Amino acid sequence: MKKLKFLLPLGIFLALAAFLLIGLGLNPREVPSPLIGKPAPAFDLPRLDDPGQRVRREDLLGKVWMLNVWASWCAACRDEHPLLVEMAARKIVPIYGLDYKDTRAAGQQTLARFGDPYVASLFDADGRVGIDWGVYGVPETFIIDRQGVIRMKHIGPLTPDVIRDKIEPLVRQLNG
């Protein structure tokens, strides 16, 4: 009985230590999304540059595309912006923007100043569509396949490594 009193706390300690070691090895930028492998949420939003034109999820079916959630007030979005401009120039994948919880004027000024990598940037002033997509903050990036299924989510600014090692191979595979 005395040994059991010592073994139980030791067992609990070892279990907690194992969970801690596993947790320390995880990448905080890779938050599992319940939307991976599921149809992208429906949306019907005005374009940032022309509120009279709207873009819907159904308009994008039949092609692989990328959704980049950004805002003019987001410093990390400005950091990743040159990479998006480069991606657009290389025509890796059609990039659509989601201007999240922003003002139309500020979003338009940002794209005029830093370049516009987007086929279209959708205006989500109140953030409702972003919430449907499970957006935690900006920037976030999604890859969507031809059937409208989300295949990847990246939280935080894109980097050359993420584009080269994750996005480009996935887009090639999905277009294959």
C-alpha atoms as a PDB file:
ATOM      1  CA  MET A   1       0.000   0.000   0.000  1.00  0.00           C
ATOM      2  CA  LYS A   2       2.899   2.348   0.796  1.00  0.00           C
ATOM      3  CA  LYS A   3       4.409   1.823  -2.671  1.00  0.00           C
ATOM      4  CA  LEU A   4       1.088   2.701  -4.307  1.00  0.00           C
ATOM      5  CA  LYS A   5       1.054   6.062  -2.499  1.00  0.00           C
ATOM      6  CA  PHE A   6       4.401   6.914  -4.120  1.00  0.00           C
ATOM      7  CA  LEU A   7       3.707   5.410  -7.545  1.00  0.00           C
ATOM      8  CA  LEU A   8       0.436   7.267  -8.129  1.00  0.00           C
ATOM      9  CA  PRO A   9       1.965  10.773  -7.822  1.00  0.00           C
ATOM     10  CA  LEU A  10       4.956   9.650  -9.870  1.00  0.00           C
ATOM     11  CA  GLY A  11       2.651   8.333 -12.609  1.00  0.00           C
ATOM     12  CA  ILE A  12       0.658  11.579 -12.662  1.00  0.00           C
ATOM     13  CA  PHE A  13       3.882  13.605 -12.827  1.00  0.00           C
ATOM     14  CA  LEU A  14       5.214  11.532 -15.749  1.00  0.00           C
ATOM     15  CA  ALA A  15       1.917  11.870 -17.645  1.00  0.00           C
ATOM     16  CA  LEU A  16       1.934  15.667 -17.201  1.00  0.00           C
ATOM     17  CA  ALA A  17       5.593  15.852 -18.243  1.00  0.00           C
ATOM     18  CA  ALA A  18       4.797  13.864 -21.404  1.00  0.00           C
ATOM     19  CA  PHE A  19       1.933  16.256 -22.308  1.00  0.00           C
ATOM     20  CA  LEU A  20       4.238  19.242 -21.706  1.00  0.00           C
ATOM     21  CA  LEU A  21       6.949  17.817 -23.976  1.00  0.00           C
ATOM     22  CA  ILE A  22       4.418  17.101 -26.736  1.00  0.00           C
ATOM     23  CA  GLY A  23       2.968  20.619 -26.412  1.00  0.00           C
ATOM     24  CA  LEU A  24       6.392  22.252 -26.636  1.00  0.00           C
ATOM     25  CA  GLY A  25       6.972  20.522 -29.975  1.00  0.00           C
ATOM     26  CA  LEU A  26       3.812  21.917 -31.604  1.00  0.00           C
ATOM     27  CA  ASN A  27       3.854  24.899 -33.953  1.00  0.00           C
ATOM     28  CA  PRO A  28       1.554  27.668 -32.584  1.00  0.00           C
ATOM     29  CA  ARG A  29       0.930  28.901 -36.155  1.00  0.00           C
ATOM     30  CA  GLU A  30      -0.620  25.574 -37.099  1.00  0.00           C
ATOM     31  CA  VAL A  31      -3.969  25.773 -35.355  1.00  0.00           C
ATOM     32  CA  PRO A  32      -6.101  22.882 -36.557  1.00  0.00           C
ATOM     33  CA  SER A  33      -9.160  24.182 -38.346  1.00  0.00           C
ATOM     34  CA  PRO A  34     -12.407  22.250 -38.305  1.00  0.00           C
ATOM     35  CA  LEU A  35     -12.989  23.617 -41.821  1.00  0.00           C
ATOM     36  CA  ILE A  36     -10.114  21.699 -43.459  1.00  0.00           C
ATOM     37  CA  GLY A  37     -11.667  19.134 -45.784  1.00  0.00           C
ATOM     38  CA  LYS A  38     -15.075  20.810 -45.631  1.00  0.00           C
ATOM     39  CA  PRO A  39     -16.826  23.138 -48.097  1.00  0.00           C
ATOM     40  CA  ALA A  40     -15.798  26.760 -47.761  1.00  0.00           C
ATOM     41  CA  PRO A  41     -18.499  28.829 -46.056  1.00  0.00           C
ATOM     42  CA  ALA A  42     -20.868  30.653 -48.367  1.00  0.00           C
ATOM     43  CA  PHE A  43     -20.370  34.362 -48.888  1.00  0.00           C
ATOM     44  CA  ASP A  44     -21.808  37.127 -51.035  1.00  0.00           C
ATOM     45  CA  LEU A  45     -19.760  40.295 -50.571  1.00  0.00           C
ATOM     46  CA  PRO A  46     -19.178  43.542 -52.428  1.00  0.00           C
ATOM     47  CA  ARG A  47     -15.805  44.148 -54.015  1.00  0.00           C
ATOM     48  CA  LEU A  48     -13.599  46.632 -52.206  1.00  0.00           C
ATOM     49  CA  ASP A  49     -12.935  48.582 -55.401  1.00  0.00           C
ATOM     50  CA  ASP A  50     -16.546  48.537 -56.673  1.00  0.00           C
ATOM     51  CA  PRO A  51     -19.371  48.078 -54.163  1.00  0.00           C
ATOM     52  CA  GLY A  52     -21.791  47.570 -57.068  1.00  0.00           C
ATOM     53  CA  GLN A  53     -20.103  44.273 -57.971  1.00  0.00           C
ATOM     54  CA  ARG A  54     -20.452  41.255 -55.709  1.00  0.00           C
ATOM     55  CA  VAL A  55     -18.477  38.025 -55.461  1.00  0.00           C
ATOM     56  CA  ARG A  56     -19.985  34.785 -54.189  1.00  0.00           C
ATOM     57  CA  ARG A  57     -18.403  31.468 -53.282  1.00  0.00           C
ATOM     58  CA  GLU A  58     -20.229  29.892 -56.216  1.00  0.00           C
ATOM     59  CA  ASP A  59     -18.452  32.267 -58.615  1.00  0.00           C
ATOM     60  CA  LEU A  60     -15.124  30.619 -57.693  1.00  0.00           C
ATOM     61  CA  LEU A  61     -16.098  26.966 -58.090  1.00  0.00           C
ATOM     62  CA  GLY A  62     -14.154  25.097 -60.760  1.00  0.00           C
ATOM     63  CA  LYS A  63     -10.750  26.613 -59.949  1.00  0.00           C
ATOM     64  CA  VAL A  64      -8.159  26.371 -57.211  1.00  0.00           C
ATOM     65  CA  TRP A  65      -7.879  29.722 -55.440  1.00  0.00           C
ATOM     66  CA  MET A  66      -6.418  31.386 -52.390  1.00  0.00           C
ATOM     67  CA  LEU A  67      -8.212  33.607 -49.878  1.00  0.00           C
ATOM     68  CA  ASN A  68      -5.992  36.028 -47.982  1.00  0.00           C
ATOM     69  CA  VAL A  69      -7.641  37.767 -45.023  1.00  0.00           C
ATOM     70  CA  TRP A  70      -6.077  41.166 -44.441  1.00  0.00           C
ATOM     71  CA  ALA A  71      -6.753  44.712 -43.191  1.00  0.00           C
ATOM     72  CA  SER A  72      -5.173  48.129 -43.639  1.00  0.00           C
ATOM     73  CA  TRP A  73      -4.600  48.409 -39.877  1.00  0.00           C
ATOM     74  CA  CYS A  74      -2.649  45.132 -39.732  1.00  0.00           C
ATOM     75  CA  ALA A  75       1.156  45.511 -39.538  1.00  0.00           C
ATOM     76  CA  ALA A  76       1.784  41.806 -40.238  1.00  0.00           C
ATOM     77  CA  CYS A  77      -0.352  42.127 -43.386  1.00  0.00           C
ATOM     78  CA  ARG A  78       2.004  44.830 -44.652  1.00  0.00           C
ATOM     79  CA  ASP A  79       4.948  42.515 -43.931  1.00  0.00           C
ATOM     80  CA  GLU A  80       3.523  39.718 -46.096  1.00  0.00           C
ATOM     81  CA  HIS A  81       2.167  42.024 -48.817  1.00  0.00           C
ATOM     82  CA  PRO A  82       5.291  42.034 -51.045  1.00  0.00           C
ATOM     83  CA  LEU A  83       5.148  38.227 -51.112  1.00  0.00           C
ATOM     84  CA  LEU A  84       1.525  38.348 -52.250  1.00  0.00           C
ATOM     85  CA  VAL A  85       2.417  40.825 -54.994  1.00  0.00           C
ATOM     86  CA  GLU A  86       5.222  38.491 -56.110  1.00  0.00           C
ATOM     87  CA  MET A  87       2.906  35.454 -56.029  1.00  0.00           C
ATOM     88  CA  ALA A  88       0.346  37.288 -58.137  1.00  0.00           C
ATOM     89  CA  ALA A  89       3.010  38.256 -60.683  1.00  0.00           C
ATOM     90  CA  ARG A  90       4.159  34.609 -60.887  1.00  0.00           C
ATOM     91  CA  LYS A  91       0.518  33.501 -61.313  1.00  0.00           C
ATOM     92  CA  ILE A  92       0.921  30.665 -58.794  1.00  0.00           C
ATOM     93  CA  VAL A  93      -2.768  30.736 -57.872  1.00  0.00           C
ATOM     94  CA  PRO A  94      -5.572  33.303 -58.202  1.00  0.00           C
ATOM     95  CA  ILE A  95      -5.525  35.313 -54.981  1.00  0.00           C
ATOM     96  CA  TYR A  96      -8.697  36.823 -53.550  1.00  0.00           C
ATOM     97  CA  GLY A  97      -8.521  39.186 -50.613  1.00  0.00           C
ATOM     98  CA  LEU A  98     -10.922  39.560 -47.722  1.00  0.00           C
ATOM     99  CA  ASP A  99     -10.580  43.059 -46.281  1.00  0.00           C
ATOM    100  CA  TYR A 100     -11.611  42.276 -42.707  1.00  0.00           C
ATOM    101  CA  LYS A 101     -13.128  44.766 -40.231  1.00  0.00           C
ATOM    102  CA  ASP A 102     -11.764  47.735 -42.126  1.00  0.00           C
ATOM    103  CA  THR A 103     -13.022  50.872 -43.807  1.00  0.00           C
ATOM    104  CA  ARG A 104     -13.410  50.921 -47.555  1.00  0.00           C
ATOM    105  CA  ALA A 105     -11.263  54.052 -47.947  1.00  0.00           C
ATOM    106  CA  ALA A 106      -8.403  52.690 -45.829  1.00  0.00           C
ATOM    107  CA  GLY A 107      -8.432  49.358 -47.683  1.00  0.00           C
ATOM    108  CA  GLN A 108      -8.376  51.085 -51.071  1.00  0.00           C
ATOM    109  CA  GLN A 109      -5.538  53.386 -49.977  1.00  0.00           C
ATOM    110  CA  THR A 110      -3.471  50.420 -48.781  1.00  0.00           C
ATOM    111  CA  LEU A 111      -3.788  48.600 -52.107  1.00  0.00           C
ATOM    112  CA  ALA A 112      -3.070  51.808 -54.059  1.00  0.00           C
ATOM    113  CA  ARG A 113       0.072  52.411 -52.001  1.00  0.00           C
ATOM    114  CA  PHE A 114       1.534  48.884 -51.803  1.00  0.00           C
ATOM    115  CA  GLY A 115       0.129  47.240 -54.939  1.00  0.00           C
ATOM    116  CA  ASP A 116      -2.924  45.071 -55.490  1.00  0.00           C
ATOM    117  CA  PRO A 117      -2.156  41.339 -55.734  1.00  0.00           C
ATOM    118  CA  TYR A 118      -5.817  40.334 -55.668  1.00  0.00           C
ATOM    119  CA  VAL A 119      -8.049  39.228 -58.513  1.00  0.00           C
ATOM    120  CA  ALA A 120     -10.667  40.892 -56.324  1.00  0.00           C
ATOM    121  CA  SER A 121     -10.678  42.018 -52.712  1.00  0.00           C
ATOM    122  CA  LEU A 122     -13.958  41.439 -50.913  1.00  0.00           C
ATOM    123  CA  PHE A 123     -15.135  43.943 -48.339  1.00  0.00           C
ATOM    124  CA  ASP A 124     -16.139  42.426 -44.970  1.00  0.00           C
ATOM    125  CA  ALA A 125     -16.662  45.562 -42.890  1.00  0.00           C
ATOM    126  CA  ASP A 126     -18.399  43.912 -39.946  1.00  0.00           C
ATOM    127  CA  GLY A 127     -16.296  40.723 -40.010  1.00  0.00           C
ATOM    128  CA  ARG A 128     -19.264  38.329 -40.287  1.00  0.00           C
ATOM    129  CA  VAL A 129     -17.829  36.392 -43.215  1.00  0.00           C
ATOM    130  CA  GLY A 130     -14.474  36.195 -41.457  1.00  0.00           C
ATOM    131  CA  ILE A 131     -16.213  34.674 -38.444  1.00  0.00           C
ATOM    132  CA  ASP A 132     -17.878  32.076 -40.701  1.00  0.00           C
ATOM    133  CA  TRP A 133     -14.399  31.152 -41.981  1.00  0.00           C
ATOM    134  CA  GLY A 134     -13.061  30.782 -38.426  1.00  0.00           C
ATOM    135  CA  VAL A 135     -10.749  33.786 -38.675  1.00  0.00           C
ATOM    136  CA  TYR A 136      -8.900  34.443 -35.400  1.00  0.00           C
ATOM    137  CA  GLY A 137      -7.086  37.525 -36.634  1.00  0.00           C
ATOM    138  CA  VAL A 138      -5.254  38.847 -39.629  1.00  0.00           C
ATOM    139  CA  PRO A 139      -3.490  37.827 -41.709  1.00  0.00           C
ATOM    140  CA  GLU A 140      -4.831  34.358 -42.399  1.00  0.00           C
ATOM    141  CA  THR A 141      -4.650  32.462 -45.677  1.00  0.00           C
ATOM    142  CA  PHE A 142      -6.737  29.610 -47.073  1.00  0.00           C
ATOM    143  CA  ILE A 143      -6.312  27.378 -50.137  1.00  0.00           C
ATOM    144  CA  ILE A 144      -9.599  26.204 -51.674  1.00  0.00           C
ATOM    145  CA  ASP A 145      -9.905  23.465 -54.306  1.00  0.00           C
ATOM    146  CA  ARG A 146     -12.054  23.299 -57.455  1.00  0.00           C
ATOM    147  CA  GLN A 147     -14.999  21.844 -55.581  1.00  0.00           C
ATOM    148  CA  GLY A 148     -14.914  24.692 -53.055  1.00  0.00           C
ATOM    149  CA  VAL A 149     -13.352  22.620 -50.256  1.00  0.00           C
ATOM    150  CA  ILE A 150     -10.821  24.228 -47.907  1.00  0.00           C
ATOM    151  CA  ARG A 151      -7.525  22.319 -48.175  1.00  0.00           C
ATOM    152  CA  MET A 152      -5.198  24.500 -46.092  1.00  0.00           C
ATOM    153  CA  LYS A 153      -5.274  27.284 -43.525  1.00  0.00           C
ATOM    154  CA  HIS A 154      -2.239  29.328 -42.503  1.00  0.00           C
ATOM    155  CA  ILE A 155      -2.408  31.704 -39.549  1.00  0.00           C
ATOM    156  CA  GLY A 156      -0.068  34.682 -39.524  1.00  0.00           C
ATOM    157  CA  PRO A 157       1.957  36.309 -42.264  1.00  0.00           C
ATOM    158  CA  LEU A 158       3.078  34.195 -45.189  1.00  0.00           C
ATOM    159  CA  THR A 159       6.793  33.587 -45.545  1.00  0.00           C
ATOM    160  CA  PRO A 160       8.860  32.455 -48.525  1.00  0.00           C
ATOM    161  CA  ASP A 161       9.192  29.032 -46.841  1.00  0.00           C
ATOM    162  CA  VAL A 162       5.421  28.616 -46.414  1.00  0.00           C
ATOM    163  CA  ILE A 163       4.811  29.609 -50.034  1.00  0.00           C
ATOM    164  CA  ARG A 164       7.569  27.340 -51.383  1.00  0.00           C
ATOM    165  CA  ASP A 165       7.071  24.348 -49.084  1.00  0.00           C
ATOM    166  CA  LYS A 166       3.317  24.303 -48.521  1.00  0.00           C
ATOM    167  CA  ILE A 167       1.284  26.490 -50.867  1.00  0.00           C
ATOM    168  CA  GLU A 168       3.035  25.845 -54.193  1.00  0.00           C
ATOM    169  CA  PRO A 169       3.115  22.024 -53.825  1.00  0.00           C
ATOM    170  CA  LEU A 170      -0.512  21.949 -52.701  1.00  0.00           C
ATOM    171  CA  VAL A 171      -1.664  24.154 -55.583  1.00  0.00           C
ATOM    172  CA  ARG A 172       0.271  21.965 -58.073  1.00  0.00           C
ATOM    173  CA  GLN A 173      -1.326  18.855 -56.594  1.00  0.00           C
ATOM    174  CA  LEU A 174      -4.826  20.322 -56.688  1.00  0.00           C
ATOM    175  CA  ASN A 175      -4.393  21.547 -60.261  1.00  0.00           C
ATOM    176  CA  GLY A 176      -2.770  18.212 -61.304  1.00  0.00           C
END
